[in-house]
PDB file of N, CA and C in Angstrom:
ATOM      1  N   UNK A   1       0.814  -1.194   0.000  1.00  0.00           N
ATOM      2  CA  UNK A   1       0.000   0.000   0.000  1.00  0.00           C
ATOM      3  C   UNK A   1       0.855   1.254   0.000  1.00  0.00           C
ATOM      4  N   UNK A   2       2.020   1.178   0.623  1.00  0.00           N
ATOM      5  CA  UNK A   2       2.874   2.347   0.689  1.00  0.00           C
ATOM      6  C   UNK A   2       4.321   1.995   0.406  1.00  0.00           C
ATOM      7  N   UNK A   3       5.012   2.876  -0.281  1.00  0.00           N
ATOM      8  CA  UNK A   3       6.421   2.673  -0.597  1.00  0.00           C
ATOM      9  C   UNK A   3       7.257   3.735   0.106  1.00  0.00           C
ATOM     10  N   UNK A   4       8.566   3.557   0.051  1.00  0.00           N
ATOM     11  CA  UNK A   4       9.480   4.434   0.784  1.00  0.00           C
ATOM     12  C   UNK A   4       9.178   5.916   0.530  1.00  0.00           C
ATOM     13  N   UNK A   5       9.174   6.663   1.631  1.00  0.00           N
ATOM     14  CA  UNK A   5       8.960   8.094   1.562  1.00  0.00           C
ATOM     15  C   UNK A   5       7.511   8.532   1.618  1.00  0.00           C
ATOM     16  N   UNK A   6       6.568   7.602   1.454  1.00  0.00           N
ATOM     17  CA  UNK A   6       5.152   7.967   1.505  1.00  0.00           C
ATOM     18  C   UNK A   6       4.652   7.993   2.946  1.00  0.00           C
ATOM     19  N   UNK A   7       3.748   8.925   3.204  1.00  0.00           N
ATOM     20  CA  UNK A   7       3.095   8.983   4.509  1.00  0.00           C
ATOM     21  C   UNK A   7       1.834   8.129   4.442  1.00  0.00           C
ATOM     22  N   UNK A   8       1.711   7.178   5.356  1.00  0.00           N
ATOM     23  CA  UNK A   8       0.571   6.260   5.404  1.00  0.00           C
ATOM     24  C   UNK A   8      -0.226   6.545   6.659  1.00  0.00           C
ATOM     25  N   UNK A   9      -1.548   6.615   6.503  1.00  0.00           N
ATOM     26  CA  UNK A   9      -2.424   6.801   7.653  1.00  0.00           C
ATOM     27  C   UNK A   9      -3.737   6.073   7.388  1.00  0.00           C
ATOM     28  N   UNK A  10      -4.269   5.424   8.416  1.00  0.00           N
ATOM     29  CA  UNK A  10      -5.566   4.762   8.317  1.00  0.00           C
ATOM     30  C   UNK A  10      -6.464   5.388   9.375  1.00  0.00           C
ATOM     31  N   UNK A  11      -7.596   5.914   8.936  1.00  0.00           N
ATOM     32  CA  UNK A  11      -8.565   6.538   9.834  1.00  0.00           C
ATOM     33  C   UNK A  11      -9.906   5.856   9.600  1.00  0.00           C
ATOM     34  N   UNK A  12     -10.417   5.173  10.624  1.00  0.00           N
ATOM     35  CA  UNK A  12     -11.698   4.450  10.518  1.00  0.00           C
ATOM     36  C   UNK A  12     -11.750   3.567   9.270  1.00  0.00           C
ATOM     37  N   UNK A  13     -10.694   2.779   9.067  1.00  0.00           N
ATOM     38  CA  UNK A  13     -10.568   1.837   7.947  1.00  0.00           C
ATOM     39  C   UNK A  13     -10.421   2.507   6.586  1.00  0.00           C
ATOM     40  N   UNK A  14     -10.238   3.804   6.541  1.00  0.00           N
ATOM     41  CA  UNK A  14      -9.997   4.508   5.281  1.00  0.00           C
ATOM     42  C   UNK A  14      -8.496   4.775   5.190  1.00  0.00           C
ATOM     43  N   UNK A  15      -7.914   4.458   4.040  1.00  0.00           N
ATOM     44  CA  UNK A  15      -6.463   4.538   3.867  1.00  0.00           C
ATOM     45  C   UNK A  15      -6.090   5.818   3.125  1.00  0.00           C
ATOM     46  N   UNK A  16      -5.150   6.536   3.715  1.00  0.00           N
ATOM     47  CA  UNK A  16      -4.641   7.772   3.125  1.00  0.00           C
ATOM     48  C   UNK A  16      -3.153   7.597   2.837  1.00  0.00           C
ATOM     49  N   UNK A  17      -2.768   7.923   1.618  1.00  0.00           N
ATOM     50  CA  UNK A  17      -1.360   7.937   1.232  1.00  0.00           C
ATOM     51  C   UNK A  17      -1.030   9.396   0.890  1.00  0.00           C
ATOM     52  N   UNK A  18      -0.047   9.945   1.615  1.00  0.00           N
ATOM     53  CA  UNK A  18       0.324  11.352   1.440  1.00  0.00           C
ATOM     54  C   UNK A  18      -0.904  12.264   1.542  1.00  0.00           C
ATOM     55  N   UNK A  19      -1.743  11.978   2.538  1.00  0.00           N
ATOM     56  CA  UNK A  19      -2.951  12.756   2.861  1.00  0.00           C
ATOM     57  C   UNK A  19      -4.080  12.629   1.845  1.00  0.00           C
ATOM     58  N   UNK A  20      -3.930  11.789   0.830  1.00  0.00           N
ATOM     59  CA  UNK A  20      -4.984  11.584  -0.164  1.00  0.00           C
ATOM     60  C   UNK A  20      -5.676  10.253   0.104  1.00  0.00           C
ATOM     61  N   UNK A  21      -6.997  10.275   0.210  1.00  0.00           N
ATOM     62  CA  UNK A  21      -7.784   9.059   0.392  1.00  0.00           C
ATOM     63  C   UNK A  21      -7.661   8.201  -0.852  1.00  0.00           C
ATOM     64  N   UNK A  22      -7.323   6.918  -0.672  1.00  0.00           N
ATOM     65  CA  UNK A  22      -7.234   6.034  -1.832  1.00  0.00           C
ATOM     66  C   UNK A  22      -8.504   5.207  -1.944  1.00  0.00           C
ATOM     67  N   UNK A  23      -8.811   4.797  -3.150  1.00  0.00           N
ATOM     68  CA  UNK A  23      -9.951   3.930  -3.404  1.00  0.00           C
ATOM     69  C   UNK A  23      -9.499   2.507  -3.119  1.00  0.00           C
ATOM     70  N   UNK A  24      -9.834   2.002  -1.951  1.00  0.00           N
ATOM     71  CA  UNK A  24      -9.371   0.688  -1.497  1.00  0.00           C
ATOM     72  C   UNK A  24     -10.292  -0.398  -2.016  1.00  0.00           C
ATOM     73  N   UNK A  25     -10.105  -0.785  -3.276  1.00  0.00           N
ATOM     74  CA  UNK A  25     -10.942  -1.833  -3.874  1.00  0.00           C
ATOM     75  C   UNK A  25     -10.482  -3.220  -3.462  1.00  0.00           C
ATOM     76  N   UNK A  26      -9.311  -3.325  -2.806  1.00  0.00           N
ATOM     77  CA  UNK A  26      -8.739  -4.620  -2.450  1.00  0.00           C
ATOM     78  C   UNK A  26      -9.161  -5.082  -1.068  1.00  0.00           C
ATOM     79  N   UNK A  27      -9.540  -4.156  -0.203  1.00  0.00           N
ATOM     80  CA  UNK A  27      -9.808  -4.488   1.184  1.00  0.00           C
ATOM     81  C   UNK A  27     -11.179  -5.075   1.427  1.00  0.00           C
ATOM     82  N   UNK A  28     -11.209  -6.029   2.349  1.00  0.00           N
ATOM     83  CA  UNK A  28     -12.456  -6.652   2.785  1.00  0.00           C
ATOM     84  C   UNK A  28     -12.485  -6.555   4.302  1.00  0.00           C
ATOM     85  N   UNK A  29     -13.592  -6.093   4.848  1.00  0.00           N
ATOM     86  CA  UNK A  29     -13.718  -5.921   6.286  1.00  0.00           C
ATOM     87  C   UNK A  29     -14.809  -6.846   6.802  1.00  0.00           C
ATOM     88  N   UNK A  30     -14.401  -7.837   7.569  1.00  0.00           N
ATOM     89  CA  UNK A  30     -15.326  -8.819   8.123  1.00  0.00           C
ATOM     90  C   UNK A  30     -15.639  -8.421   9.552  1.00  0.00           C
ATOM     91  N   UNK A  31     -16.925  -8.299   9.863  1.00  0.00           N
ATOM     92  CA  UNK A  31     -17.288  -7.826  11.194  1.00  0.00           C
ATOM     93  C   UNK A  31     -17.262  -8.930  12.245  1.00  0.00           C
ATOM     94  N   UNK A  32     -17.373 -10.184  11.843  1.00  0.00           N
ATOM     95  CA  UNK A  32     -17.342 -11.266  12.824  1.00  0.00           C
ATOM     96  C   UNK A  32     -15.957 -11.876  12.889  1.00  0.00           C
ATOM     97  N   UNK A  33     -15.594 -12.385  14.050  1.00  0.00           N
ATOM     98  CA  UNK A  33     -14.325 -13.067  14.207  1.00  0.00           C
ATOM     99  C   UNK A  33     -13.124 -12.151  14.318  1.00  0.00           C
ATOM    100  N   UNK A  34     -13.364 -10.866  14.512  1.00  0.00           N
ATOM    101  CA  UNK A  34     -12.248  -9.940  14.637  1.00  0.00           C
ATOM    102  C   UNK A  34     -11.509 -10.173  15.937  1.00  0.00           C
ATOM    103  N   UNK A  35     -10.219 -10.034  15.875  1.00  0.00           N
ATOM    104  CA  UNK A  35      -9.453 -10.065  17.109  1.00  0.00           C
ATOM    105  C   UNK A  35      -9.412  -8.659  17.674  1.00  0.00           C
ATOM    106  N   UNK A  36      -9.318  -8.563  18.980  1.00  0.00           N
ATOM    107  CA  UNK A  36      -9.322  -7.253  19.614  1.00  0.00           C
ATOM    108  C   UNK A  36      -8.214  -6.372  19.067  1.00  0.00           C
ATOM    109  N   UNK A  37      -7.020  -6.929  18.900  1.00  0.00           N
ATOM    110  CA  UNK A  37      -5.904  -6.104  18.445  1.00  0.00           C
ATOM    111  C   UNK A  37      -6.148  -5.544  17.054  1.00  0.00           C
ATOM    112  N   UNK A  38      -6.802  -6.303  16.175  1.00  0.00           N
ATOM    113  CA  UNK A  38      -7.057  -5.796  14.836  1.00  0.00           C
ATOM    114  C   UNK A  38      -8.160  -4.747  14.838  1.00  0.00           C
ATOM    115  N   UNK A  39      -9.171  -4.915  15.675  1.00  0.00           N
ATOM    116  CA  UNK A  39     -10.196  -3.873  15.763  1.00  0.00           C
ATOM    117  C   UNK A  39      -9.583  -2.555  16.206  1.00  0.00           C
ATOM    118  N   UNK A  40      -8.594  -2.637  17.070  1.00  0.00           N
ATOM    119  CA  UNK A  40      -7.927  -1.425  17.531  1.00  0.00           C
ATOM    120  C   UNK A  40      -7.088  -0.795  16.428  1.00  0.00           C
ATOM    121  N   UNK A  41      -6.781  -1.530  15.369  1.00  0.00           N
ATOM    122  CA  UNK A  41      -5.947  -1.024  14.286  1.00  0.00           C
ATOM    123  C   UNK A  41      -6.758  -0.471  13.114  1.00  0.00           C
ATOM    124  N   UNK A  42      -8.025  -0.153  13.353  1.00  0.00           N
ATOM    125  CA  UNK A  42      -8.813   0.517  12.322  1.00  0.00           C
ATOM    126  C   UNK A  42      -8.272   1.920  12.091  1.00  0.00           C
ATOM    127  N   UNK A  43      -7.370   2.333  12.992  1.00  0.00           N
ATOM    128  CA  UNK A  43      -6.660   3.608  12.874  1.00  0.00           C
ATOM    129  C   UNK A  43      -5.178   3.298  13.008  1.00  0.00           C
ATOM    130  N   UNK A  44      -4.385   3.915  12.151  1.00  0.00           N
ATOM    131  CA  UNK A  44      -2.941   3.691  12.160  1.00  0.00           C
ATOM    132  C   UNK A  44      -2.248   4.972  11.718  1.00  0.00           C
ATOM    133  N   UNK A  45      -1.108   5.240  12.321  1.00  0.00           N
ATOM    134  CA  UNK A  45      -0.266   6.332  11.880  1.00  0.00           C
ATOM    135  C   UNK A  45      -0.753   7.696  12.324  1.00  0.00           C
ATOM    136  N   UNK A  46      -0.281   8.702  11.638  1.00  0.00           N
ATOM    137  CA  UNK A  46       0.491   8.680  10.405  1.00  0.00           C
ATOM    138  C   UNK A  46       1.921   8.212  10.623  1.00  0.00           C
ATOM    139  N   UNK A  47       2.463   7.572   9.595  1.00  0.00           N
ATOM    140  CA  UNK A  47       3.837   7.089   9.626  1.00  0.00           C
ATOM    141  C   UNK A  47       4.420   7.188   8.222  1.00  0.00           C
ATOM    142  N   UNK A  48       5.676   7.566   8.144  1.00  0.00           N
ATOM    143  CA  UNK A  48       6.363   7.646   6.855  1.00  0.00           C
ATOM    144  C   UNK A  48       7.122   6.336   6.646  1.00  0.00           C
ATOM    145  N   UNK A  49       6.920   5.740   5.471  1.00  0.00           N
ATOM    146  CA  UNK A  49       7.585   4.479   5.142  1.00  0.00           C
ATOM    147  C   UNK A  49       9.088   4.754   5.001  1.00  0.00           C
ATOM    148  N   UNK A  50       9.907   4.006   5.766  1.00  0.00           N
ATOM    149  CA  UNK A  50      11.361   4.226   5.707  1.00  0.00           C
ATOM    150  C   UNK A  50      11.951   3.841   4.354  1.00  0.00           C
ATOM    151  N   UNK A  51      13.161   4.310   4.126  1.00  0.00           N
ATOM    152  CA  UNK A  51      13.902   3.997   2.911  1.00  0.00           C
ATOM    153  C   UNK A  51      14.038   2.475   2.761  1.00  0.00           C
ATOM    154  N   UNK A  52      13.922   2.002   1.532  1.00  0.00           N
ATOM    155  CA  UNK A  52      14.052   0.575   1.185  1.00  0.00           C
ATOM    156  C   UNK A  52      13.006  -0.304   1.881  1.00  0.00           C
ATOM    157  N   UNK A  53      11.819   0.248   2.123  1.00  0.00           N
ATOM    158  CA  UNK A  53      10.780  -0.501   2.839  1.00  0.00           C
ATOM    159  C   UNK A  53       9.421  -0.321   2.183  1.00  0.00           C
ATOM    160  N   UNK A  54       8.489  -1.182   2.593  1.00  0.00           N
ATOM    161  CA  UNK A  54       7.097  -1.157   2.129  1.00  0.00           C
ATOM    162  C   UNK A  54       6.160  -1.200   3.326  1.00  0.00           C
ATOM    163  N   UNK A  55       4.969  -0.661   3.153  1.00  0.00           N
ATOM    164  CA  UNK A  55       3.885  -0.828   4.115  1.00  0.00           C
ATOM    165  C   UNK A  55       2.887  -1.751   3.440  1.00  0.00           C
ATOM    166  N   UNK A  56       2.640  -2.924   4.022  1.00  0.00           N
ATOM    167  CA  UNK A  56       1.778  -3.928   3.389  1.00  0.00           C
ATOM    168  C   UNK A  56       0.530  -4.170   4.225  1.00  0.00           C
ATOM    169  N   UNK A  57      -0.574  -4.464   3.536  1.00  0.00           N
ATOM    170  CA  UNK A  57      -1.839  -4.820   4.177  1.00  0.00           C
ATOM    171  C   UNK A  57      -2.381  -6.085   3.537  1.00  0.00           C
ATOM    172  N   UNK A  58      -2.956  -6.973   4.354  1.00  0.00           N
ATOM    173  CA  UNK A  58      -3.667  -8.125   3.813  1.00  0.00           C
ATOM    174  C   UNK A  58      -5.022  -7.677   3.296  1.00  0.00           C
ATOM    175  N   UNK A  59      -5.619  -8.457   2.391  1.00  0.00           N
ATOM    176  CA  UNK A  59      -6.909  -8.043   1.839  1.00  0.00           C
ATOM    177  C   UNK A  59      -8.045  -8.190   2.842  1.00  0.00           C
ATOM    178  N   UNK A  60      -7.993  -9.174   3.721  1.00  0.00           N
ATOM    179  CA  UNK A  60      -9.002  -9.323   4.773  1.00  0.00           C
ATOM    180  C   UNK A  60      -8.512  -8.496   5.960  1.00  0.00           C
ATOM    181  N   UNK A  61      -8.840  -7.222   5.944  1.00  0.00           N
ATOM    182  CA  UNK A  61      -8.235  -6.240   6.843  1.00  0.00           C
ATOM    183  C   UNK A  61      -8.378  -6.571   8.326  1.00  0.00           C
ATOM    184  N   UNK A  62      -9.496  -7.149   8.751  1.00  0.00           N
ATOM    185  CA  UNK A  62      -9.689  -7.445  10.170  1.00  0.00           C
ATOM    186  C   UNK A  62      -9.063  -8.760  10.605  1.00  0.00           C
ATOM    187  N   UNK A  63      -8.570  -9.542   9.692  1.00  0.00           N
ATOM    188  CA  UNK A  63      -7.977 -10.831  10.037  1.00  0.00           C
ATOM    189  C   UNK A  63      -6.654 -11.032   9.316  1.00  0.00           C
ATOM    190  N   UNK A  64      -5.860  -9.986   9.218  1.00  0.00           N
ATOM    191  CA  UNK A  64      -4.583 -10.059   8.520  1.00  0.00           C
ATOM    192  C   UNK A  64      -3.442  -9.661   9.449  1.00  0.00           C
ATOM    193  N   UNK A  65      -2.367 -10.410   9.349  1.00  0.00           N
ATOM    194  CA  UNK A  65      -1.123 -10.039  10.014  1.00  0.00           C
ATOM    195  C   UNK A  65      -0.345  -9.220   8.994  1.00  0.00           C
ATOM    196  N   UNK A  66      -0.238  -7.924   9.213  1.00  0.00           N
ATOM    197  CA  UNK A  66       0.381  -7.059   8.214  1.00  0.00           C
ATOM    198  C   UNK A  66       1.164  -5.946   8.891  1.00  0.00           C
ATOM    199  N   UNK A  67       1.511  -4.914   8.150  1.00  0.00           N
ATOM    200  CA  UNK A  67       2.375  -3.853   8.670  1.00  0.00           C
ATOM    201  C   UNK A  67       1.779  -3.117   9.864  1.00  0.00           C
ATOM    202  N   UNK A  68       0.472  -3.183  10.038  1.00  0.00           N
ATOM    203  CA  UNK A  68      -0.120  -2.561  11.221  1.00  0.00           C
ATOM    204  C   UNK A  68       0.342  -3.273  12.480  1.00  0.00           C
ATOM    205  N   UNK A  69       0.684  -4.556  12.362  1.00  0.00           N
ATOM    206  CA  UNK A  69       1.130  -5.342  13.515  1.00  0.00           C
ATOM    207  C   UNK A  69       2.638  -5.524  13.571  1.00  0.00           C
ATOM    208  N   UNK A  70       3.285  -5.829  12.433  1.00  0.00           N
ATOM    209  CA  UNK A  70       4.711  -6.155  12.485  1.00  0.00           C
ATOM    210  C   UNK A  70       5.601  -5.091  11.873  1.00  0.00           C
ATOM    211  N   UNK A  71       5.032  -3.981  11.441  1.00  0.00           N
ATOM    212  CA  UNK A  71       5.842  -2.883  10.932  1.00  0.00           C
ATOM    213  C   UNK A  71       6.134  -2.974   9.445  1.00  0.00           C
ATOM    214  N   UNK A  72       7.041  -2.142   9.023  1.00  0.00           N
ATOM    215  CA  UNK A  72       7.389  -2.044   7.615  1.00  0.00           C
ATOM    216  C   UNK A  72       8.202  -3.260   7.177  1.00  0.00           C
ATOM    217  N   UNK A  73       8.138  -3.570   5.881  1.00  0.00           N
ATOM    218  CA  UNK A  73       8.862  -4.711   5.319  1.00  0.00           C
ATOM    219  C   UNK A  73      10.025  -4.172   4.495  1.00  0.00           C
ATOM    220  N   UNK A  74      11.228  -4.583   4.842  1.00  0.00           N
ATOM    221  CA  UNK A  74      12.411  -4.161   4.098  1.00  0.00           C
ATOM    222  C   UNK A  74      12.442  -4.876   2.748  1.00  0.00           C
ATOM    223  N   UNK A  75      12.900  -4.172   1.717  1.00  0.00           N
ATOM    224  CA  UNK A  75      12.969  -4.754   0.366  1.00  0.00           C
ATOM    225  C   UNK A  75      13.673  -6.104   0.360  1.00  0.00           C
ATOM    226  N   UNK A  76      14.677  -6.275   1.204  1.00  0.00           N
ATOM    227  CA  UNK A  76      15.443  -7.525   1.218  1.00  0.00           C
ATOM    228  C   UNK A  76      14.594  -8.717   1.656  1.00  0.00           C
ATOM    229  N   UNK A  77      13.444  -8.468   2.278  1.00  0.00           N
ATOM    230  CA  UNK A  77      12.556  -9.540   2.732  1.00  0.00           C
ATOM    231  C   UNK A  77      11.529  -9.935   1.676  1.00  0.00           C
ATOM    232  N   UNK A  78      11.436  -9.175   0.607  1.00  0.00           N
ATOM    233  CA  UNK A  78      10.484  -9.474  -0.464  1.00  0.00           C
ATOM    234  C   UNK A  78      11.127 -10.520  -1.369  1.00  0.00           C
ATOM    235  N   UNK A  79      10.489 -11.672  -1.470  1.00  0.00           N
ATOM    236  CA  UNK A  79      11.083 -12.806  -2.181  1.00  0.00           C
ATOM    237  C   UNK A  79      10.498 -13.046  -3.557  1.00  0.00           C
ATOM    238  N   UNK A  80       9.430 -12.382  -3.905  1.00  0.00           N
ATOM    239  CA  UNK A  80       8.832 -12.624  -5.209  1.00  0.00           C
ATOM    240  C   UNK A  80       7.831 -11.542  -5.536  1.00  0.00           C
ATOM    241  N   UNK A  81       7.085 -11.764  -6.587  1.00  0.00           N
ATOM    242  CA  UNK A  81       6.091 -10.810  -7.041  1.00  0.00           C
ATOM    243  C   UNK A  81       4.767 -11.546  -7.200  1.00  0.00           C
ATOM    244  N   UNK A  82       3.717 -11.002  -6.618  1.00  0.00           N
ATOM    245  CA  UNK A  82       2.391 -11.609  -6.750  1.00  0.00           C
ATOM    246  C   UNK A  82       1.878 -11.365  -8.164  1.00  0.00           C
ATOM    247  N   UNK A  83       1.489 -12.440  -8.838  1.00  0.00           N
ATOM    248  CA  UNK A  83       0.978 -12.338 -10.201  1.00  0.00           C
ATOM    249  C   UNK A  83      -0.495 -12.683 -10.304  1.00  0.00           C
ATOM    250  N   UNK A  84      -0.959 -13.606  -9.446  1.00  0.00           N
ATOM    251  CA  UNK A  84      -2.336 -14.073  -9.503  1.00  0.00           C
ATOM    252  C   UNK A  84      -2.904 -14.199  -8.098  1.00  0.00           C
ATOM    253  N   UNK A  85      -4.212 -14.091  -7.991  1.00  0.00           N
ATOM    254  CA  UNK A  85      -4.880 -14.342  -6.721  1.00  0.00           C
ATOM    255  C   UNK A  85      -5.027 -15.848  -6.573  1.00  0.00           C
ATOM    256  N   UNK A  86      -4.399 -16.388  -5.532  1.00  0.00           N
ATOM    257  CA  UNK A  86      -4.434 -17.827  -5.292  1.00  0.00           C
ATOM    258  C   UNK A  86      -5.709 -18.221  -4.562  1.00  0.00           C
ATOM    259  N   UNK A  87      -6.092 -17.452  -3.530  1.00  0.00           N
ATOM    260  CA  UNK A  87      -7.256 -17.787  -2.728  1.00  0.00           C
ATOM    261  C   UNK A  87      -7.978 -16.510  -2.356  1.00  0.00           C
ATOM    262  N   UNK A  88      -9.292 -16.531  -2.397  1.00  0.00           N
ATOM    263  CA  UNK A  88     -10.083 -15.350  -2.046  1.00  0.00           C
ATOM    264  C   UNK A  88     -11.432 -15.782  -1.507  1.00  0.00           C
ATOM    265  N   UNK A  89     -11.958 -14.988  -0.598  1.00  0.00           N
ATOM    266  CA  UNK A  89     -13.296 -15.246  -0.060  1.00  0.00           C
ATOM    267  C   UNK A  89     -14.313 -15.252  -1.208  1.00  0.00           C
ATOM    268  N   UNK A  90     -14.192 -14.278  -2.108  1.00  0.00           N
ATOM    269  CA  UNK A  90     -15.020 -14.223  -3.314  1.00  0.00           C
ATOM    270  C   UNK A  90     -14.381 -15.151  -4.342  1.00  0.00           C
ATOM    271  N   UNK A  91     -14.909 -16.334  -4.483  1.00  0.00           N
ATOM    272  CA  UNK A  91     -14.300 -17.375  -5.321  1.00  0.00           C
ATOM    273  C   UNK A  91     -14.144 -16.950  -6.776  1.00  0.00           C
ATOM    274  N   UNK A  92     -14.922 -15.988  -7.236  1.00  0.00           N
ATOM    275  CA  UNK A  92     -14.795 -15.539  -8.624  1.00  0.00           C
ATOM    276  C   UNK A  92     -13.472 -14.809  -8.856  1.00  0.00           C
ATOM    277  N   UNK A  93     -12.777 -14.394  -7.782  1.00  0.00           N
ATOM    278  CA  UNK A  93     -11.494 -13.693  -7.909  1.00  0.00           C
ATOM    279  C   UNK A  93     -10.313 -14.643  -8.021  1.00  0.00           C
ATOM    280  N   UNK A  94     -10.497 -15.917  -7.663  1.00  0.00           N
ATOM    281  CA  UNK A  94      -9.394 -16.880  -7.713  1.00  0.00           C
ATOM    282  C   UNK A  94      -8.912 -17.019  -9.150  1.00  0.00           C
ATOM    283  N   UNK A  95      -7.602 -16.908  -9.323  1.00  0.00           N
ATOM    284  CA  UNK A  95      -7.006 -16.998 -10.648  1.00  0.00           C
ATOM    285  C   UNK A  95      -6.922 -15.676 -11.378  1.00  0.00           C
ATOM    286  N   UNK A  96      -7.435 -14.600 -10.777  1.00  0.00           N
ATOM    287  CA  UNK A  96      -7.378 -13.289 -11.415  1.00  0.00           C
ATOM    288  C   UNK A  96      -5.940 -12.792 -11.457  1.00  0.00           C
ATOM    289  N   UNK A  97      -5.532 -12.318 -12.611  1.00  0.00           N
ATOM    290  CA  UNK A  97      -4.192 -11.746 -12.760  1.00  0.00           C
ATOM    291  C   UNK A  97      -4.130 -10.407 -12.036  1.00  0.00           C
ATOM    292  N   UNK A  98      -3.084 -10.197 -11.280  1.00  0.00           N
ATOM    293  CA  UNK A  98      -2.897  -8.923 -10.605  1.00  0.00           C
ATOM    294  C   UNK A  98      -2.225  -7.904 -11.523  1.00  0.00           C
ATOM    295  N   UNK A  99      -1.758  -8.354 -12.654  1.00  0.00           N
ATOM    296  CA  UNK A  99      -1.130  -7.480 -13.632  1.00  0.00           C
ATOM    297  C   UNK A  99      -2.167  -6.894 -14.577  1.00  0.00           C
ATOM    298  N   UNK A 100      -3.043  -7.722 -15.114  1.00  0.00           N
ATOM    299  CA  UNK A 100      -4.006  -7.257 -16.114  1.00  0.00           C
ATOM    300  C   UNK A 100      -5.414  -7.128 -15.554  1.00  0.00           C
ATOM    301  N   UNK A 101      -5.696  -7.762 -14.386  1.00  0.00           N
ATOM    302  CA  UNK A 101      -7.033  -7.737 -13.821  1.00  0.00           C
ATOM    303  C   UNK A 101      -7.963  -8.745 -14.463  1.00  0.00           C
ATOM    304  N   UNK A 102      -7.438  -9.618 -15.313  1.00  0.00           N
ATOM    305  CA  UNK A 102      -8.262 -10.636 -15.968  1.00  0.00           C
ATOM    306  C   UNK A 102      -7.820 -12.016 -15.559  1.00  0.00           C
ATOM    307  N   UNK A 103      -8.670 -13.004 -15.804  1.00  0.00           N
ATOM    308  CA  UNK A 103      -8.285 -14.379 -15.520  1.00  0.00           C
ATOM    309  C   UNK A 103      -7.655 -14.980 -16.758  1.00  0.00           C
ATOM    310  N   UNK A 104      -6.732 -15.872 -16.543  1.00  0.00           N
ATOM    311  CA  UNK A 104      -6.062 -16.528 -17.666  1.00  0.00           C
ATOM    312  C   UNK A 104      -6.090 -18.019 -17.491  1.00  0.00           C
TER     313      UNK A 104
END
């Protein structure tokens, strides 16, 4: 969601990058089964992403272990590039290319 030098802030589950609200079409918010710590993270930051780092979020926002919990991810920890959706709550998204937005 955020790359080095960008200011990231989450206010009531709305994501702002450099003070601009982004259209979060990737996020899913499940109201049941939330852990207390994740409910408390409906607000985050503001924080500036450090050099050579990323701010990452899981798509199931209330049930994801992501940068809100473990911090920024250094580039050296990124081992590959996501090309397709492997698993999704909405089964019609499985197999969708993350590059073109189509299934192949």
